Amino acid sequence: MLKPKSFHVPGALLIEQHVVREGPSPYFVAWKPHTSQMFYDRKEMMRWIKWPKGTPTREAIDAFLDGLEAPKELVPSPLDMEEIKRKGFGPEAHTLDDSDPNSQTRTVI
């Protein structure tokens, strides 16, 4: 999960954009005094916030939301199948040198 980007009007409004690897991403968490809600849709969030158009704060909110870049796909690095075939996939694939303190550990069952 990446660090959330936020917009804050002290005592009145907080909007956070969260980008996660699993599940729908991005999503927004919006807070107004005494209530908060999670949104996947910007339009629904703006309807819930009910901040009037034409005010400097609304323009700042729109500028913040427009400035958020679309999140890049959080894709894990591709597997090197040839290396996995050579070394295996279990603990034997992870060679440790003598400088690593875990190289001398043993499992006793």
N, C-alpha and C. Protein backbone atom coordinates (compact mmCIF):
# COMPACT_ATOMS: atom_id res chain seq x y z
N MET A 1 0.84 -1.17 0.00
CA MET A 1 0.00 0.00 0.00
C MET A 1 0.90 1.24 0.00
N LEU A 2 0.56 2.15 -0.83
CA LEU A 2 1.30 3.41 -0.89
C LEU A 2 0.77 4.38 0.15
N LYS A 3 1.57 5.37 0.46
CA LYS A 3 1.15 6.39 1.42
C LYS A 3 -0.04 7.15 0.83
N PRO A 4 -1.11 7.35 1.61
CA PRO A 4 -2.28 8.05 1.07
C PRO A 4 -1.99 9.52 0.80
N LYS A 5 -2.59 10.03 -0.26
CA LYS A 5 -2.51 11.46 -0.56
C LYS A 5 -3.76 12.09 0.03
N SER A 6 -3.60 13.27 0.64
CA SER A 6 -4.75 13.82 1.35
C SER A 6 -4.94 15.31 1.08
N PHE A 7 -6.19 15.73 1.27
CA PHE A 7 -6.59 17.12 1.20
C PHE A 7 -7.32 17.41 2.50
N HIS A 8 -6.97 18.53 3.16
CA HIS A 8 -7.51 18.77 4.49
C HIS A 8 -7.97 20.22 4.64
N VAL A 9 -9.20 20.39 5.10
CA VAL A 9 -9.72 21.69 5.53
C VAL A 9 -9.95 21.51 7.03
N PRO A 10 -9.11 22.13 7.87
CA PRO A 10 -9.17 21.86 9.31
C PRO A 10 -10.57 22.02 9.90
N GLY A 11 -11.01 20.96 10.57
CA GLY A 11 -12.30 20.97 11.25
C GLY A 11 -13.51 20.81 10.35
N ALA A 12 -13.30 20.69 9.03
CA ALA A 12 -14.45 20.64 8.14
C ALA A 12 -14.42 19.48 7.15
N LEU A 13 -13.24 19.11 6.66
CA LEU A 13 -13.18 18.11 5.60
C LEU A 13 -11.80 17.49 5.52
N LEU A 14 -11.77 16.19 5.28
CA LEU A 14 -10.53 15.46 5.00
C LEU A 14 -10.83 14.45 3.91
N ILE A 15 -10.01 14.46 2.86
CA ILE A 15 -10.14 13.49 1.77
C ILE A 15 -8.80 12.79 1.63
N GLU A 16 -8.81 11.46 1.61
CA GLU A 16 -7.60 10.69 1.40
C GLU A 16 -7.81 9.76 0.22
N GLN A 17 -6.79 9.67 -0.64
CA GLN A 17 -6.81 8.71 -1.74
C GLN A 17 -5.86 7.57 -1.36
N HIS A 18 -6.36 6.34 -1.35
CA HIS A 18 -5.57 5.17 -1.02
C HIS A 18 -5.38 4.31 -2.27
N VAL A 19 -4.14 3.88 -2.49
CA VAL A 19 -3.82 2.99 -3.60
C VAL A 19 -3.29 1.70 -2.98
N VAL A 20 -3.94 0.59 -3.29
CA VAL A 20 -3.56 -0.70 -2.73
C VAL A 20 -3.30 -1.70 -3.84
N ARG A 21 -2.58 -2.77 -3.49
CA ARG A 21 -2.27 -3.79 -4.48
C ARG A 21 -3.46 -4.73 -4.70
N GLU A 22 -4.12 -5.11 -3.61
CA GLU A 22 -5.26 -6.03 -3.71
C GLU A 22 -6.56 -5.24 -3.65
N GLY A 23 -7.53 -5.72 -4.36
CA GLY A 23 -8.85 -5.09 -4.30
C GLY A 23 -8.97 -3.88 -5.20
N PRO A 24 -10.12 -3.25 -5.18
CA PRO A 24 -10.33 -2.07 -6.03
C PRO A 24 -9.40 -0.94 -5.61
N SER A 25 -8.79 -0.33 -6.58
CA SER A 25 -7.85 0.73 -6.28
C SER A 25 -7.92 1.77 -7.39
N PRO A 26 -7.86 3.03 -7.12
CA PRO A 26 -7.78 3.65 -5.82
C PRO A 26 -9.16 3.77 -5.19
N TYR A 27 -9.18 4.04 -3.91
CA TYR A 27 -10.42 4.37 -3.24
C TYR A 27 -10.18 5.61 -2.39
N PHE A 28 -11.27 6.29 -2.05
CA PHE A 28 -11.19 7.52 -1.28
C PHE A 28 -11.87 7.32 0.06
N VAL A 29 -11.31 7.94 1.10
CA VAL A 29 -11.96 8.02 2.40
C VAL A 29 -12.18 9.50 2.66
N ALA A 30 -13.45 9.87 2.88
CA ALA A 30 -13.79 11.27 3.11
C ALA A 30 -14.37 11.40 4.51
N TRP A 31 -13.96 12.47 5.19
CA TRP A 31 -14.43 12.73 6.55
C TRP A 31 -15.04 14.12 6.61
N LYS A 32 -16.23 14.19 7.20
CA LYS A 32 -16.87 15.45 7.59
C LYS A 32 -17.09 15.32 9.09
N PRO A 33 -17.32 16.42 9.79
CA PRO A 33 -17.52 16.30 11.25
C PRO A 33 -18.59 15.26 11.59
N HIS A 34 -18.21 14.35 12.46
CA HIS A 34 -19.08 13.31 13.01
C HIS A 34 -19.40 12.18 12.04
N THR A 35 -18.78 12.13 10.87
CA THR A 35 -19.05 11.02 9.94
C THR A 35 -17.92 10.88 8.93
N SER A 36 -17.74 9.67 8.45
CA SER A 36 -16.79 9.43 7.37
C SER A 36 -17.34 8.30 6.50
N GLN A 37 -16.83 8.22 5.28
CA GLN A 37 -17.32 7.21 4.36
C GLN A 37 -16.25 6.89 3.33
N MET A 38 -16.28 5.67 2.83
CA MET A 38 -15.35 5.24 1.80
C MET A 38 -16.04 5.27 0.44
N PHE A 39 -15.31 5.72 -0.59
CA PHE A 39 -15.88 5.82 -1.93
C PHE A 39 -14.92 5.24 -2.95
N TYR A 40 -15.49 4.64 -4.00
CA TYR A 40 -14.71 4.20 -5.15
C TYR A 40 -14.91 5.15 -6.32
N ASP A 41 -15.92 6.00 -6.24
CA ASP A 41 -16.28 6.89 -7.32
C ASP A 41 -16.17 8.35 -6.87
N ARG A 42 -15.43 9.13 -7.63
CA ARG A 42 -15.24 10.55 -7.29
C ARG A 42 -16.56 11.31 -7.30
N LYS A 43 -17.42 11.01 -8.27
CA LYS A 43 -18.70 11.73 -8.40
C LYS A 43 -19.58 11.50 -7.17
N GLU A 44 -19.63 10.25 -6.70
CA GLU A 44 -20.41 9.94 -5.49
C GLU A 44 -19.84 10.65 -4.28
N MET A 45 -18.52 10.70 -4.19
CA MET A 45 -17.89 11.37 -3.06
C MET A 45 -18.22 12.86 -3.06
N MET A 46 -18.16 13.51 -4.21
CA MET A 46 -18.46 14.93 -4.29
C MET A 46 -19.93 15.20 -3.95
N ARG A 47 -20.81 14.27 -4.32
CA ARG A 47 -22.23 14.41 -3.97
C ARG A 47 -22.41 14.32 -2.46
N TRP A 48 -21.64 13.45 -1.80
CA TRP A 48 -21.73 13.28 -0.35
C TRP A 48 -21.13 14.47 0.39
N ILE A 49 -20.05 15.04 -0.15
CA ILE A 49 -19.39 16.17 0.50
C ILE A 49 -20.29 17.41 0.50
N LYS A 50 -21.01 17.63 -0.60
CA LYS A 50 -21.95 18.75 -0.74
C LYS A 50 -21.29 20.12 -0.57
N TRP A 51 -20.08 20.28 -1.09
CA TRP A 51 -19.43 21.58 -1.03
C TRP A 51 -19.85 22.39 -2.25
N PRO A 52 -20.35 23.61 -2.08
CA PRO A 52 -20.91 24.36 -3.22
C PRO A 52 -19.85 24.75 -4.25
N LYS A 53 -20.26 24.68 -5.52
CA LYS A 53 -19.37 25.09 -6.60
C LYS A 53 -19.17 26.59 -6.56
N GLY A 54 -18.02 27.01 -7.09
CA GLY A 54 -17.74 28.44 -7.17
C GLY A 54 -17.04 29.00 -5.95
N THR A 55 -16.84 28.20 -4.91
CA THR A 55 -16.13 28.67 -3.73
C THR A 55 -14.64 28.33 -3.88
N PRO A 56 -13.77 29.08 -3.24
CA PRO A 56 -12.34 28.78 -3.34
C PRO A 56 -11.98 27.37 -2.84
N THR A 57 -12.68 26.91 -1.80
CA THR A 57 -12.39 25.58 -1.27
C THR A 57 -12.79 24.51 -2.27
N ARG A 58 -13.93 24.66 -2.92
CA ARG A 58 -14.36 23.68 -3.92
C ARG A 58 -13.38 23.65 -5.08
N GLU A 59 -12.89 24.81 -5.48
CA GLU A 59 -11.89 24.85 -6.55
C GLU A 59 -10.61 24.14 -6.12
N ALA A 60 -10.23 24.29 -4.85
CA ALA A 60 -9.04 23.61 -4.34
C ALA A 60 -9.26 22.09 -4.29
N ILE A 61 -10.47 21.66 -3.92
CA ILE A 61 -10.79 20.22 -3.91
C ILE A 61 -10.71 19.67 -5.32
N ASP A 62 -11.33 20.36 -6.27
CA ASP A 62 -11.30 19.89 -7.66
C ASP A 62 -9.87 19.86 -8.19
N ALA A 63 -9.05 20.87 -7.85
CA ALA A 63 -7.66 20.89 -8.30
C ALA A 63 -6.89 19.72 -7.69
N PHE A 64 -7.15 19.41 -6.42
CA PHE A 64 -6.49 18.27 -5.77
C PHE A 64 -6.87 16.97 -6.48
N LEU A 65 -8.16 16.77 -6.73
CA LEU A 65 -8.61 15.53 -7.36
C LEU A 65 -8.13 15.42 -8.80
N ASP A 66 -8.10 16.56 -9.51
CA ASP A 66 -7.60 16.54 -10.89
C ASP A 66 -6.10 16.27 -10.93
N GLY A 67 -5.40 16.70 -9.90
CA GLY A 67 -3.95 16.52 -9.85
C GLY A 67 -3.51 15.12 -9.50
N LEU A 68 -4.43 14.29 -9.02
CA LEU A 68 -4.07 12.92 -8.69
C LEU A 68 -3.87 12.15 -9.98
N GLU A 69 -2.72 11.54 -10.12
CA GLU A 69 -2.48 10.77 -11.33
C GLU A 69 -3.09 9.39 -11.18
N ALA A 70 -3.45 8.82 -12.29
CA ALA A 70 -4.00 7.48 -12.26
C ALA A 70 -2.92 6.54 -11.75
N PRO A 71 -3.26 5.67 -10.80
CA PRO A 71 -2.23 4.79 -10.24
C PRO A 71 -1.72 3.80 -11.27
N LYS A 72 -0.43 3.58 -11.25
CA LYS A 72 0.17 2.57 -12.11
C LYS A 72 -0.19 1.22 -11.55
N GLU A 73 -0.28 0.25 -12.41
CA GLU A 73 -0.60 -1.09 -11.96
C GLU A 73 0.50 -1.59 -11.02
N LEU A 74 0.11 -2.04 -9.86
CA LEU A 74 1.06 -2.58 -8.91
C LEU A 74 1.22 -4.07 -9.20
N VAL A 75 2.09 -4.38 -10.15
CA VAL A 75 2.27 -5.75 -10.60
C VAL A 75 3.59 -6.26 -10.04
N PRO A 76 3.58 -7.44 -9.45
CA PRO A 76 4.84 -7.98 -8.97
C PRO A 76 5.78 -8.28 -10.13
N SER A 77 7.07 -8.29 -9.84
CA SER A 77 8.05 -8.54 -10.89
C SER A 77 7.83 -9.94 -11.46
N PRO A 78 8.08 -10.10 -12.76
CA PRO A 78 7.84 -11.41 -13.38
C PRO A 78 8.82 -12.46 -12.84
N LEU A 79 8.38 -13.70 -12.82
CA LEU A 79 9.22 -14.80 -12.34
C LEU A 79 10.16 -15.25 -13.44
N ASP A 80 11.40 -15.53 -13.07
CA ASP A 80 12.37 -16.08 -14.01
C ASP A 80 12.25 -17.60 -13.93
N MET A 81 11.49 -18.17 -14.83
CA MET A 81 11.20 -19.61 -14.78
C MET A 81 12.45 -20.46 -14.98
N GLU A 82 13.41 -19.98 -15.77
CA GLU A 82 14.64 -20.74 -15.98
C GLU A 82 15.44 -20.85 -14.68
N GLU A 83 15.51 -19.77 -13.93
CA GLU A 83 16.22 -19.79 -12.66
C GLU A 83 15.50 -20.70 -11.66
N ILE A 84 14.18 -20.68 -11.66
CA ILE A 84 13.42 -21.56 -10.77
C ILE A 84 13.66 -23.02 -11.13
N LYS A 85 13.74 -23.33 -12.43
CA LYS A 85 14.02 -24.71 -12.84
C LYS A 85 15.41 -25.14 -12.40
N ARG A 86 16.39 -24.20 -12.45
CA ARG A 86 17.76 -24.53 -12.05
C ARG A 86 17.88 -24.69 -10.54
N LYS A 87 17.35 -23.76 -9.78
CA LYS A 87 17.56 -23.74 -8.33
C LYS A 87 16.46 -24.42 -7.54
N GLY A 88 15.28 -24.49 -8.08
CA GLY A 88 14.15 -24.98 -7.31
C GLY A 88 13.34 -23.82 -6.78
N PHE A 89 12.28 -24.13 -6.04
CA PHE A 89 11.39 -23.08 -5.58
C PHE A 89 11.36 -22.96 -4.06
N GLY A 90 11.97 -23.90 -3.38
CA GLY A 90 11.91 -23.91 -1.92
C GLY A 90 13.08 -23.20 -1.28
N PRO A 91 13.36 -23.53 -0.02
CA PRO A 91 14.42 -22.85 0.70
C PRO A 91 15.80 -23.10 0.10
N GLU A 92 15.98 -24.20 -0.63
CA GLU A 92 17.28 -24.47 -1.23
C GLU A 92 17.64 -23.44 -2.31
N ALA A 93 16.66 -22.70 -2.79
CA ALA A 93 16.91 -21.69 -3.82
C ALA A 93 17.52 -20.43 -3.22
N HIS A 94 17.41 -20.27 -1.93
CA HIS A 94 17.90 -19.06 -1.27
C HIS A 94 19.22 -19.36 -0.59
N THR A 95 20.30 -19.14 -1.31
CA THR A 95 21.60 -19.41 -0.75
C THR A 95 22.04 -18.26 0.14
N LEU A 96 22.57 -18.60 1.29
CA LEU A 96 23.05 -17.60 2.23
C LEU A 96 24.57 -17.71 2.33
N ASP A 97 25.25 -16.59 2.41
CA ASP A 97 26.70 -16.63 2.61
C ASP A 97 27.00 -16.62 4.11
N ASP A 98 28.25 -16.81 4.48
CA ASP A 98 28.62 -16.93 5.89
C ASP A 98 28.48 -15.63 6.66
N SER A 99 28.42 -14.49 5.97
CA SER A 99 28.27 -13.22 6.67
C SER A 99 26.84 -13.01 7.18
N ASP A 100 25.90 -13.77 6.64
CA ASP A 100 24.50 -13.65 7.06
C ASP A 100 24.31 -14.42 8.37
N PRO A 101 23.76 -13.77 9.43
CA PRO A 101 23.59 -14.48 10.71
C PRO A 101 22.63 -15.66 10.62
N ASN A 102 21.79 -15.70 9.61
CA ASN A 102 20.84 -16.81 9.48
C ASN A 102 21.44 -18.02 8.78
N SER A 103 22.69 -17.92 8.31
CA SER A 103 23.28 -19.04 7.58
C SER A 103 23.59 -20.21 8.52
N GLN A 104 23.76 -19.97 9.80
CA GLN A 104 24.11 -21.02 10.75
C GLN A 104 22.90 -21.53 11.55
N THR A 105 21.71 -21.09 11.20
CA THR A 105 20.53 -21.54 11.95
C THR A 105 20.05 -22.88 11.45
N ARG A 106 19.50 -23.65 12.34
CA ARG A 106 18.96 -24.97 11.99
C ARG A 106 17.57 -25.09 12.60
N THR A 107 16.72 -25.85 11.96
CA THR A 107 15.40 -26.12 12.48
C THR A 107 15.42 -27.47 13.19
N VAL A 108 14.99 -27.49 14.44
CA VAL A 108 14.94 -28.73 15.21
C VAL A 108 13.48 -29.06 15.40
N ILE A 109 13.13 -30.25 14.98
CA ILE A 109 11.73 -30.68 15.10
C ILE A 109 11.63 -31.84 16.04
